[in-house]
PDB file of N, CA and C in Angstrom:
ATOM      1  N   MET A   1     174.134 -94.594  -3.982  1.00  0.00           N
ATOM      2  CA  MET A   1     175.098 -94.555  -3.240  1.00  0.00           C
ATOM      3  C   MET A   1     175.741 -96.204  -3.055  1.00  0.00           C
ATOM      4  N   THR A   2     177.164 -96.009  -2.824  1.00  0.00           N
ATOM      5  CA  THR A   2     178.424 -97.034  -2.409  1.00  0.00           C
ATOM      6  C   THR A   2     178.063 -97.052  -1.284  1.00  0.00           C
ATOM      7  N   PHE A   3     178.613 -98.167  -0.748  1.00  0.00           N
ATOM      8  CA  PHE A   3     179.333 -98.263   0.732  1.00  0.00           C
ATOM      9  C   PHE A   3     181.136 -98.818  -0.006  1.00  0.00           C
ATOM     10  N   ASP A   4     181.336 -98.139   1.445  1.00  0.00           N
ATOM     11  CA  ASP A   4     183.015 -97.920   0.844  1.00  0.00           C
ATOM     12  C   ASP A   4     183.655 -98.681   2.585  1.00  0.00           C
ATOM     13  N   LEU A   5     182.942 -99.369   2.543  1.00  0.00           N
ATOM     14  CA  LEU A   5     183.246-100.817   3.741  1.00  0.00           C
ATOM     15  C   LEU A   5     185.513-100.625   3.860  1.00  0.00           C
ATOM     16  N   GLU A   6     186.168-100.198   3.615  1.00  0.00           N
ATOM     17  CA  GLU A   6     187.584 -99.879   3.818  1.00  0.00           C
ATOM     18  C   GLU A   6     187.740 -98.255   4.246  1.00  0.00           C
ATOM     19  N   ALA A   7     187.203 -97.799   3.932  1.00  0.00           N
ATOM     20  CA  ALA A   7     187.021 -96.223   4.336  1.00  0.00           C
ATOM     21  C   ALA A   7     186.392 -95.828   5.440  1.00  0.00           C
ATOM     22  N   SER A   8     185.224 -97.108   5.668  1.00  0.00           N
ATOM     23  CA  SER A   8     184.176 -96.514   6.057  1.00  0.00           C
ATOM     24  C   SER A   8     185.126 -96.771   8.108  1.00  0.00           C
ATOM     25  N   LEU A   9     185.949 -98.587   8.111  1.00  0.00           N
ATOM     26  CA  LEU A   9     187.237 -98.946   8.435  1.00  0.00           C
ATOM     27  C   LEU A   9     187.688 -98.282   8.864  1.00  0.00           C
ATOM     28  N   GLU A  10     188.953 -97.143   8.128  1.00  0.00           N
ATOM     29  CA  GLU A  10     189.673 -95.988   8.940  1.00  0.00           C
ATOM     30  C   GLU A  10     189.341 -95.435   9.035  1.00  0.00           C
ATOM     31  N   ALA A  11     188.226 -94.549   8.889  1.00  0.00           N
ATOM     32  CA  ALA A  11     187.097 -93.822  10.125  1.00  0.00           C
ATOM     33  C   ALA A  11     186.944 -93.972  11.025  1.00  0.00           C
ATOM     34  N   THR A  12     187.315 -95.627  11.443  1.00  0.00           N
ATOM     35  CA  THR A  12     186.648 -95.849  12.659  1.00  0.00           C
ATOM     36  C   THR A  12     188.191 -96.293  13.563  1.00  0.00           C
ATOM     37  N   ALA A  13     188.715 -96.223  13.313  1.00  0.00           N
ATOM     38  CA  ALA A  13     189.458 -96.800  13.363  1.00  0.00           C
ATOM     39  C   ALA A  13     190.270 -95.048  13.796  1.00  0.00           C
ATOM     40  N   ARG A  14     190.836 -94.202  12.478  1.00  0.00           N
ATOM     41  CA  ARG A  14     190.692 -92.405  13.218  1.00  0.00           C
ATOM     42  C   ARG A  14     189.834 -92.103  14.586  1.00  0.00           C
ATOM     43  N   GLN A  15     189.295 -92.980  13.880  1.00  0.00           N
ATOM     44  CA  GLN A  15     188.368 -92.090  15.393  1.00  0.00           C
ATOM     45  C   GLN A  15     188.312 -92.942  17.210  1.00  0.00           C
ATOM     46  N   HIS A  16     189.217 -93.911  16.603  1.00  0.00           N
ATOM     47  CA  HIS A  16     189.758 -94.718  18.459  1.00  0.00           C
ATOM     48  C   HIS A  16     190.778 -94.525  18.716  1.00  0.00           C
ATOM     49  N   ALA A  17     191.333 -93.266  18.568  1.00  0.00           N
ATOM     50  CA  ALA A  17     192.841 -92.951  18.720  1.00  0.00           C
ATOM     51  C   ALA A  17     193.097 -93.543  19.901  1.00  0.00           C
ATOM     52  N   GLU A  18     194.167 -94.527  20.069  1.00  0.00           N
ATOM     53  CA  GLU A  18     194.760 -94.696  21.210  1.00  0.00           C
ATOM     54  C   GLU A  18     193.938 -95.480  22.367  1.00  0.00           C
ATOM     55  N   GLY A  19     192.371 -95.963  21.681  1.00  0.00           N
ATOM     56  CA  GLY A  19     191.241 -96.426  22.932  1.00  0.00           C
ATOM     57  C   GLY A  19     190.320 -94.931  23.109  1.00  0.00           C
ATOM     58  N   CYS A  20     190.213 -94.201  22.452  1.00  0.00           N
ATOM     59  CA  CYS A  20     189.593 -93.242  22.823  1.00  0.00           C
ATOM     60  C   CYS A  20     188.877 -92.997  21.876  1.00  0.00           C
ATOM     61  N   VAL A  21     187.761 -92.098  21.729  1.00  0.00           N
ATOM     62  CA  VAL A  21     187.122 -91.896  20.939  1.00  0.00           C
ATOM     63  C   VAL A  21     187.462 -90.499  20.474  1.00  0.00           C
ATOM     64  N   LYS A  22     188.543 -90.643  20.165  1.00  0.00           N
ATOM     65  CA  LYS A  22     189.281 -89.437  19.558  1.00  0.00           C
ATOM     66  C   LYS A  22     190.095 -89.629  18.164  1.00  0.00           C
ATOM     67  N   THR A  23     190.530 -88.681  17.301  1.00  0.00           N
ATOM     68  CA  THR A  23     190.976 -89.036  15.978  1.00  0.00           C
ATOM     69  C   THR A  23     192.349 -88.358  17.155  1.00  0.00           C
ATOM     70  N   TRP A  24     193.536 -89.234  15.535  1.00  0.00           N
ATOM     71  CA  TRP A  24     195.000 -89.065  15.676  1.00  0.00           C
ATOM     72  C   TRP A  24     194.667 -87.403  16.009  1.00  0.00           C
ATOM     73  N   GLU A  25     194.522 -86.923  14.805  1.00  0.00           N
ATOM     74  CA  GLU A  25     194.517 -85.488  15.242  1.00  0.00           C
ATOM     75  C   GLU A  25     194.426 -84.438  16.185  1.00  0.00           C
ATOM     76  N   ASP A  26     192.946 -85.577  16.536  1.00  0.00           N
ATOM     77  CA  ASP A  26     193.140 -84.347  17.928  1.00  0.00           C
ATOM     78  C   ASP A  26     193.592 -84.891  19.332  1.00  0.00           C
ATOM     79  N   LEU A  27     194.170 -85.993  19.181  1.00  0.00           N
ATOM     80  CA  LEU A  27     194.935 -86.285  20.328  1.00  0.00           C
ATOM     81  C   LEU A  27     196.730 -85.193  19.796  1.00  0.00           C
ATOM     82  N   GLU A  28     197.124 -85.292  18.744  1.00  0.00           N
ATOM     83  CA  GLU A  28     197.881 -84.232  18.231  1.00  0.00           C
ATOM     84  C   GLU A  28     197.853 -83.051  18.435  1.00  0.00           C
ATOM     85  N   ARG A  29     196.741 -82.974  18.098  1.00  0.00           N
ATOM     86  CA  ARG A  29     196.737 -81.006  19.198  1.00  0.00           C
ATOM     87  C   ARG A  29     196.598 -81.289  20.441  1.00  0.00           C
ATOM     88  N   TYR A  30     196.389 -81.470  21.403  1.00  0.00           N
ATOM     89  CA  TYR A  30     196.186 -82.073  22.766  1.00  0.00           C
ATOM     90  C   TYR A  30     197.231 -81.837  23.094  1.00  0.00           C
ATOM     91  N   ARG A  31     198.379 -83.052  22.620  1.00  0.00           N
ATOM     92  CA  ARG A  31     199.896 -83.692  22.807  1.00  0.00           C
ATOM     93  C   ARG A  31     200.564 -81.629  23.274  1.00  0.00           C
ATOM     94  N   THR A  32     200.209 -81.066  22.174  1.00  0.00           N
ATOM     95  CA  THR A  32     201.152 -79.699  21.340  1.00  0.00           C
ATOM     96  C   THR A  32     200.309 -78.256  22.632  1.00  0.00           C
ATOM     97  N   ILE A  33     198.932 -78.578  22.939  1.00  0.00           N
ATOM     98  CA  ILE A  33     198.324 -77.627  23.971  1.00  0.00           C
ATOM     99  C   ILE A  33     199.104 -78.125  25.149  1.00  0.00           C
ATOM    100  N   ILE A  34     199.234 -78.813  25.846  1.00  0.00           N
ATOM    101  CA  ILE A  34     199.765 -79.708  26.668  1.00  0.00           C
ATOM    102  C   ILE A  34     200.725 -79.220  26.908  1.00  0.00           C
ATOM    103  N   THR A  35     201.693 -79.627  25.939  1.00  0.00           N
ATOM    104  CA  THR A  35     203.442 -79.555  25.881  1.00  0.00           C
ATOM    105  C   THR A  35     203.418 -77.980  26.431  1.00  0.00           C
ATOM    106  N   VAL A  36     202.812 -76.776  25.144  1.00  0.00           N
ATOM    107  CA  VAL A  36     202.578 -75.371  25.717  1.00  0.00           C
ATOM    108  C   VAL A  36     201.976 -74.371  26.959  1.00  0.00           C
ATOM    109  N   ALA A  37     201.155 -75.386  27.680  1.00  0.00           N
ATOM    110  CA  ALA A  37     200.194 -74.655  28.264  1.00  0.00           C
ATOM    111  C   ALA A  37     201.278 -75.725  29.901  1.00  0.00           C
ATOM    112  N   ALA A  38     201.057 -76.309  29.679  1.00  0.00           N
ATOM    113  CA  ALA A  38     202.155 -77.330  31.220  1.00  0.00           C
ATOM    114  C   ALA A  38     200.719 -77.442  32.296  1.00  0.00           C
ATOM    115  N   PRO A  39     199.925 -77.737  31.704  1.00  0.00           N
ATOM    116  CA  PRO A  39     197.908 -77.396  32.930  1.00  0.00           C
ATOM    117  C   PRO A  39     198.551 -78.720  34.139  1.00  0.00           C
ATOM    118  N   THR A  40     198.367 -77.943  35.335  1.00  0.00           N
ATOM    119  CA  THR A  40     197.863 -78.797  36.322  1.00  0.00           C
ATOM    120  C   THR A  40     196.815 -79.755  36.421  1.00  0.00           C
ATOM    121  N   LEU A  41     195.477 -78.791  35.282  1.00  0.00           N
ATOM    122  CA  LEU A  41     194.386 -79.640  35.707  1.00  0.00           C
ATOM    123  C   LEU A  41     193.743 -79.439  34.477  1.00  0.00           C
ATOM    124  N   ILE A  42     193.060 -80.671  34.113  1.00  0.00           N
ATOM    125  CA  ILE A  42     192.290 -81.044  32.798  1.00  0.00           C
ATOM    126  C   ILE A  42     191.201 -81.399  33.214  1.00  0.00           C
ATOM    127  N   ILE A  43     190.063 -80.522  32.586  1.00  0.00           N
ATOM    128  CA  ILE A  43     188.681 -80.487  32.961  1.00  0.00           C
ATOM    129  C   ILE A  43     188.074 -81.225  31.705  1.00  0.00           C
ATOM    130  N   GLU A  44     187.382 -82.583  31.519  1.00  0.00           N
ATOM    131  CA  GLU A  44     186.725 -82.446  30.502  1.00  0.00           C
ATOM    132  C   GLU A  44     185.251 -82.640  30.439  1.00  0.00           C
ATOM    133  N   ALA A  45     184.506 -82.332  29.889  1.00  0.00           N
ATOM    134  CA  ALA A  45     182.939 -82.711  29.950  1.00  0.00           C
ATOM    135  C   ALA A  45     182.589 -83.628  29.169  1.00  0.00           C
ATOM    136  N   GLY A  46     182.124 -85.128  29.155  1.00  0.00           N
ATOM    137  CA  GLY A  46     181.910 -85.649  28.541  1.00  0.00           C
ATOM    138  C   GLY A  46     182.859 -86.471  28.543  1.00  0.00           C
ATOM    139  N   THR A  47     182.237 -87.759  29.571  1.00  0.00           N
ATOM    140  CA  THR A  47     183.381 -89.123  29.920  1.00  0.00           C
ATOM    141  C   THR A  47     183.478 -89.956  28.751  1.00  0.00           C
ATOM    142  N   PHE A  48     182.121 -90.511  28.620  1.00  0.00           N
ATOM    143  CA  PHE A  48     181.972 -91.818  27.852  1.00  0.00           C
ATOM    144  C   PHE A  48     182.709 -92.955  28.889  1.00  0.00           C
ATOM    145  N   SER A  49     183.684 -93.531  28.109  1.00  0.00           N
ATOM    146  CA  SER A  49     184.943 -94.670  28.510  1.00  0.00           C
ATOM    147  C   SER A  49     184.913 -94.791  28.978  1.00  0.00           C
ATOM    148  N   GLY A  50     185.950 -93.330  29.585  1.00  0.00           N
ATOM    149  CA  GLY A  50     187.373 -92.839  30.582  1.00  0.00           C
ATOM    150  C   GLY A  50     188.414 -92.910  30.448  1.00  0.00           C
ATOM    151  N   LYS A  51     188.353 -93.687  28.491  1.00  0.00           N
ATOM    152  CA  LYS A  51     189.451 -93.468  27.997  1.00  0.00           C
ATOM    153  C   LYS A  51     190.790 -92.473  27.745  1.00  0.00           C
ATOM    154  N   ALA A  52     189.187 -91.234  26.951  1.00  0.00           N
ATOM    155  CA  ALA A  52     190.429 -89.964  27.480  1.00  0.00           C
ATOM    156  C   ALA A  52     190.933 -89.550  28.657  1.00  0.00           C
ATOM    157  N   ALA A  53     190.498 -89.484  29.722  1.00  0.00           N
ATOM    158  CA  ALA A  53     190.493 -89.111  30.429  1.00  0.00           C
ATOM    159  C   ALA A  53     192.309 -89.313  30.711  1.00  0.00           C
ATOM    160  N   LEU A  54     192.109 -90.774  30.570  1.00  0.00           N
ATOM    161  CA  LEU A  54     193.363 -91.627  31.233  1.00  0.00           C
ATOM    162  C   LEU A  54     194.007 -91.467  30.223  1.00  0.00           C
ATOM    163  N   TRP A  55     193.514 -90.935  29.100  1.00  0.00           N
ATOM    164  CA  TRP A  55     195.674 -90.366  28.287  1.00  0.00           C
ATOM    165  C   TRP A  55     195.733 -88.908  28.231  1.00  0.00           C
ATOM    166  N   PHE A  56     194.892 -88.195  28.703  1.00  0.00           N
ATOM    167  CA  PHE A  56     194.898 -87.065  29.332  1.00  0.00           C
ATOM    168  C   PHE A  56     195.921 -86.746  30.433  1.00  0.00           C
ATOM    169  N   ALA A  57     195.737 -87.770  31.644  1.00  0.00           N
ATOM    170  CA  ALA A  57     196.155 -88.197  33.106  1.00  0.00           C
ATOM    171  C   ALA A  57     198.113 -88.563  32.418  1.00  0.00           C
ATOM    172  N   ALA A  58     197.990 -89.621  31.669  1.00  0.00           N
ATOM    173  CA  ALA A  58     199.511 -89.784  31.567  1.00  0.00           C
ATOM    174  C   ALA A  58     200.182 -89.124  30.565  1.00  0.00           C
ATOM    175  N   ASN A  59     199.509 -88.157  29.553  1.00  0.00           N
ATOM    176  CA  ASN A  59     200.097 -87.538  29.113  1.00  0.00           C
ATOM    177  C   ASN A  59     200.447 -85.874  29.811  1.00  0.00           C
ATOM    178  N   SER A  60     199.974 -86.365  30.071  1.00  0.00           N
ATOM    179  CA  SER A  60     200.159 -84.589  30.262  1.00  0.00           C
ATOM    180  C   SER A  60     200.507 -84.400  32.634  1.00  0.00           C
ATOM    181  N   GLY A  61     200.917 -85.715  33.696  1.00  0.00           N
ATOM    182  CA  GLY A  61     200.980 -85.818  34.586  1.00  0.00           C
ATOM    183  C   GLY A  61     199.839 -84.534  35.045  1.00  0.00           C
ATOM    184  N   ALA A  62     198.910 -84.407  34.671  1.00  0.00           N
ATOM    185  CA  ALA A  62     197.959 -82.855  35.308  1.00  0.00           C
ATOM    186  C   ALA A  62     196.937 -84.180  35.914  1.00  0.00           C
ATOM    187  N   LYS A  63     196.453 -83.241  37.031  1.00  0.00           N
ATOM    188  CA  LYS A  63     194.724 -83.659  37.305  1.00  0.00           C
ATOM    189  C   LYS A  63     193.855 -84.020  36.545  1.00  0.00           C
ATOM    190  N   VAL A  64     193.122 -84.759  36.952  1.00  0.00           N
ATOM    191  CA  VAL A  64     192.203 -84.912  34.724  1.00  0.00           C
ATOM    192  C   VAL A  64     190.768 -84.721  36.057  1.00  0.00           C
ATOM    193  N   VAL A  65     189.336 -83.452  35.749  1.00  0.00           N
ATOM    194  CA  VAL A  65     188.483 -83.895  35.911  1.00  0.00           C
ATOM    195  C   VAL A  65     187.286 -84.741  35.411  1.00  0.00           C
ATOM    196  N   THR A  66     186.578 -85.675  34.956  1.00  0.00           N
ATOM    197  CA  THR A  66     185.922 -85.465  34.439  1.00  0.00           C
ATOM    198  C   THR A  66     184.071 -85.928  34.570  1.00  0.00           C
ATOM    199  N   ILE A  67     183.631 -85.058  33.760  1.00  0.00           N
ATOM    200  CA  ILE A  67     182.135 -84.629  34.312  1.00  0.00           C
ATOM    201  C   ILE A  67     180.673 -85.858  32.909  1.00  0.00           C
ATOM    202  N   ASP A  68     180.042 -86.189  33.254  1.00  0.00           N
ATOM    203  CA  ASP A  68     179.136 -86.920  32.903  1.00  0.00           C
ATOM    204  C   ASP A  68     178.274 -87.011  33.566  1.00  0.00           C
ATOM    205  N   CYS A  69     177.052 -86.921  32.954  1.00  0.00           N
ATOM    206  CA  CYS A  69     175.743 -87.617  33.597  1.00  0.00           C
ATOM    207  C   CYS A  69     175.132 -89.313  33.770  1.00  0.00           C
ATOM    208  N   THR A  70     176.114 -89.559  32.865  1.00  0.00           N
ATOM    209  CA  THR A  70     176.360 -91.591  32.550  1.00  0.00           C
ATOM    210  C   THR A  70     177.422 -91.589  33.544  1.00  0.00           C
ATOM    211  N   ASP A  71     177.392 -92.943  33.764  1.00  0.00           N
ATOM    212  CA  ASP A  71     178.351 -94.110  34.159  1.00  0.00           C
ATOM    213  C   ASP A  71     178.795 -94.513  33.169  1.00  0.00           C
ATOM    214  N   ASN A  72     179.514 -94.597  32.457  1.00  0.00           N
ATOM    215  CA  ASN A  72     179.909 -96.090  31.218  1.00  0.00           C
ATOM    216  C   ASN A  72     181.222 -96.025  31.240  1.00  0.00           C
ATOM    217  N   VAL A  73     182.052 -95.486  32.373  1.00  0.00           N
ATOM    218  CA  VAL A  73     184.146 -95.785  32.607  1.00  0.00           C
ATOM    219  C   VAL A  73     184.098 -97.665  32.496  1.00  0.00           C
ATOM    220  N   ASP A  74     184.742 -97.657  31.228  1.00  0.00           N
ATOM    221  CA  ASP A  74     185.006 -98.797  31.135  1.00  0.00           C
ATOM    222  C   ASP A  74     185.827 -99.669  32.165  1.00  0.00           C
ATOM    223  N   PRO A  75     185.182-100.764  33.185  1.00  0.00           N
ATOM    224  CA  PRO A  75     185.739-101.348  34.039  1.00  0.00           C
ATOM    225  C   PRO A  75     187.481-101.365  33.711  1.00  0.00           C
ATOM    226  N   ASP A  76     188.107-101.460  32.916  1.00  0.00           N
ATOM    227  CA  ASP A  76     189.604-101.667  32.566  1.00  0.00           C
ATOM    228  C   ASP A  76     190.180-100.406  32.950  1.00  0.00           C
ATOM    229  N   THR A  77     189.200 -99.626  32.945  1.00  0.00           N
ATOM    230  CA  THR A  77     190.192 -98.085  32.088  1.00  0.00           C
ATOM    231  C   THR A  77     189.518 -97.591  34.232  1.00  0.00           C
ATOM    232  N   ARG A  78     188.650 -98.431  34.643  1.00  0.00           N
ATOM    233  CA  ARG A  78     188.503 -97.364  36.496  1.00  0.00           C
ATOM    234  C   ARG A  78     188.996 -97.883  37.216  1.00  0.00           C
ATOM    235  N   ASP A  79     189.244 -99.388  36.786  1.00  0.00           N
ATOM    236  CA  ASP A  79     190.921-100.003  37.717  1.00  0.00           C
ATOM    237  C   ASP A  79     192.385-100.187  37.290  1.00  0.00           C
ATOM    238  N   ASN A  80     192.688 -99.024  36.961  1.00  0.00           N
ATOM    239  CA  ASN A  80     193.734 -98.131  36.002  1.00  0.00           C
ATOM    240  C   ASN A  80     194.241 -97.830  36.991  1.00  0.00           C
ATOM    241  N   PRO A  81     195.027 -98.328  37.318  1.00  0.00           N
ATOM    242  CA  PRO A  81     195.851 -97.546  39.314  1.00  0.00           C
ATOM    243  C   PRO A  81     196.550 -95.846  38.657  1.00  0.00           C
ATOM    244  N   LEU A  82     196.466 -95.377  37.390  1.00  0.00           N
ATOM    245  CA  LEU A  82     196.681 -93.867  36.950  1.00  0.00           C
ATOM    246  C   LEU A  82     195.405 -93.367  36.512  1.00  0.00           C
ATOM    247  N   PHE A  83     194.589 -93.894  36.938  1.00  0.00           N
ATOM    248  CA  PHE A  83     193.123 -92.986  36.656  1.00  0.00           C
ATOM    249  C   PHE A  83     192.436 -93.480  38.563  1.00  0.00           C
ATOM    250  N   ARG A  84     192.774 -93.723  38.939  1.00  0.00           N
ATOM    251  CA  ARG A  84     192.364 -93.727  40.448  1.00  0.00           C
ATOM    252  C   ARG A  84     192.635 -92.694  41.421  1.00  0.00           C
ATOM    253  N   GLN A  85     194.305 -92.794  40.401  1.00  0.00           N
ATOM    254  CA  GLN A  85     195.255 -91.700  41.177  1.00  0.00           C
ATOM    255  C   GLN A  85     194.763 -90.751  41.136  1.00  0.00           C
ATOM    256  N   GLN A  86     194.902 -90.091  39.785  1.00  0.00           N
ATOM    257  CA  GLN A  86     194.357 -88.614  38.750  1.00  0.00           C
ATOM    258  C   GLN A  86     193.502 -88.644  38.122  1.00  0.00           C
ATOM    259  N   VAL A  87     192.547 -89.005  38.297  1.00  0.00           N
ATOM    260  CA  VAL A  87     191.705 -88.937  37.434  1.00  0.00           C
ATOM    261  C   VAL A  87     190.105 -88.768  38.961  1.00  0.00           C
ATOM    262  N   THR A  88     189.611 -87.872  38.467  1.00  0.00           N
ATOM    263  CA  THR A  88     188.585 -87.410  39.850  1.00  0.00           C
ATOM    264  C   THR A  88     186.894 -87.861  38.426  1.00  0.00           C
ATOM    265  N   HIS A  89     186.014 -88.834  38.082  1.00  0.00           N
ATOM    266  CA  HIS A  89     184.962 -88.976  37.963  1.00  0.00           C
ATOM    267  C   HIS A  89     183.851 -88.404  38.298  1.00  0.00           C
ATOM    268  N   LEU A  90     183.190 -87.937  37.954  1.00  0.00           N
ATOM    269  CA  LEU A  90     181.710 -86.577  38.859  1.00  0.00           C
ATOM    270  C   LEU A  90     181.281 -87.815  37.279  1.00  0.00           C
ATOM    271  N   LEU A  91     179.757 -87.030  38.053  1.00  0.00           N
ATOM    272  CA  LEU A  91     178.473 -87.919  37.450  1.00  0.00           C
ATOM    273  C   LEU A  91     177.393 -86.739  37.612  1.00  0.00           C
ATOM    274  N   GLY A  92     176.625 -86.540  36.458  1.00  0.00           N
ATOM    275  CA  GLY A  92     176.860 -84.362  36.998  1.00  0.00           C
ATOM    276  C   GLY A  92     175.641 -84.539  35.488  1.00  0.00           C
ATOM    277  N   ASN A  93     175.643 -83.198  35.390  1.00  0.00           N
ATOM    278  CA  ASN A  93     175.079 -81.855  34.947  1.00  0.00           C
ATOM    279  C   ASN A  93     176.393 -81.107  34.651  1.00  0.00           C
ATOM    280  N   THR A  94     176.639 -80.944  33.741  1.00  0.00           N
ATOM    281  CA  THR A  94     178.177 -80.022  33.617  1.00  0.00           C
ATOM    282  C   THR A  94     176.860 -78.593  32.980  1.00  0.00           C
ATOM    283  N   ILE A  95     176.038 -78.122  33.452  1.00  0.00           N
ATOM    284  CA  ILE A  95     175.734 -76.999  33.716  1.00  0.00           C
ATOM    285  C   ILE A  95     174.652 -76.366  34.656  1.00  0.00           C
ATOM    286  N   ASP A  96     174.850 -77.796  35.127  1.00  0.00           N
ATOM    287  CA  ASP A  96     173.790 -77.542  36.967  1.00  0.00           C
ATOM    288  C   ASP A  96     174.976 -76.587  37.407  1.00  0.00           C
ATOM    289  N   PRO A  97     174.596 -75.512  38.603  1.00  0.00           N
ATOM    290  CA  PRO A  97     174.951 -74.684  39.055  1.00  0.00           C
ATOM    291  C   PRO A  97     175.713 -75.327  40.202  1.00  0.00           C
ATOM    292  N   GLU A  98     174.812 -75.763  41.123  1.00  0.00           N
ATOM    293  CA  GLU A  98     176.181 -77.229  42.312  1.00  0.00           C
ATOM    294  C   GLU A  98     177.480 -78.080  41.598  1.00  0.00           C
ATOM    295  N   MET A  99     177.393 -78.271  40.453  1.00  0.00           N
ATOM    296  CA  MET A  99     178.523 -79.050  39.293  1.00  0.00           C
ATOM    297  C   MET A  99     179.824 -77.746  38.966  1.00  0.00           C
ATOM    298  N   ILE A 100     179.044 -76.853  38.629  1.00  0.00           N
ATOM    299  CA  ILE A 100     180.110 -76.089  38.394  1.00  0.00           C
ATOM    300  C   ILE A 100     180.441 -75.789  39.886  1.00  0.00           C
ATOM    301  N   ASP A 101     179.997 -75.726  41.139  1.00  0.00           N
ATOM    302  CA  ASP A 101     180.444 -74.575  42.455  1.00  0.00           C
ATOM    303  C   ASP A 101     181.818 -75.716  42.615  1.00  0.00           C
ATOM    304  N   ARG A 102     181.193 -77.645  42.312  1.00  0.00           N
ATOM    305  CA  ARG A 102     182.097 -77.954  42.893  1.00  0.00           C
ATOM    306  C   ARG A 102     183.653 -78.152  41.954  1.00  0.00           C
ATOM    307  N   VAL A 103     183.539 -77.988  40.828  1.00  0.00           N
ATOM    308  CA  VAL A 103     184.603 -78.402  39.449  1.00  0.00           C
ATOM    309  C   VAL A 103     185.848 -76.755  40.172  1.00  0.00           C
ATOM    310  N   HIS A 104     184.774 -75.807  40.723  1.00  0.00           N
ATOM    311  CA  HIS A 104     185.284 -74.831  41.007  1.00  0.00           C
ATOM    312  C   HIS A 104     186.058 -75.386  42.149  1.00  0.00           C
ATOM    313  N   ARG A 105     185.344 -75.549  43.092  1.00  0.00           N
ATOM    314  CA  ARG A 105     186.219 -76.264  44.286  1.00  0.00           C
ATOM    315  C   ARG A 105     187.685 -77.177  44.192  1.00  0.00           C
ATOM    316  N   LEU A 106     187.550 -77.984  43.353  1.00  0.00           N
ATOM    317  CA  LEU A 106     188.678 -78.727  42.701  1.00  0.00           C
ATOM    318  C   LEU A 106     189.395 -78.396  42.442  1.00  0.00           C
ATOM    319  N   ALA A 107     189.447 -77.313  41.083  1.00  0.00           N
ATOM    320  CA  ALA A 107     190.063 -76.251  40.169  1.00  0.00           C
ATOM    321  C   ALA A 107     191.431 -75.286  41.121  1.00  0.00           C
ATOM    322  N   GLU A 108     190.618 -74.732  42.449  1.00  0.00           N
ATOM    323  CA  GLU A 108     191.377 -73.896  43.356  1.00  0.00           C
ATOM    324  C   GLU A 108     192.796 -74.586  43.229  1.00  0.00           C
ATOM    325  N   GLY A 109     193.442 -73.556  43.062  1.00  0.00           N
ATOM    326  CA  GLY A 109     195.154 -73.147  43.007  1.00  0.00           C
ATOM    327  C   GLY A 109     195.177 -74.208  42.169  1.00  0.00           C
ATOM    328  N   HIS A 110     194.942 -74.556  40.933  1.00  0.00           N
ATOM    329  CA  HIS A 110     195.543 -74.735  39.557  1.00  0.00           C
ATOM    330  C   HIS A 110     195.381 -73.918  38.566  1.00  0.00           C
TER     331      HIS A 110
END
């Protein structure tokens, strides 16, 4: 088996589009959905660095609720004014009944 460094680097770049752990194709799909649906709230399960939540806020104008069991949000992302204004970062398990109730309350009116 051989290792193709160029293909590996290209795949890594594709998986980190605009700083997110998302592919460019994923982001284009999200853009299409955002354009068609015009959401006022986006709920993301799995925060990781917070860059995708920031991308959702920047590209939709919607409020974003992002949930994760660990707090791995990148400090630069956390300090971004848009992240502070439009993103609610919740720590916990997405299938915990209390978390589900909390998200339902945040989603009221959206």
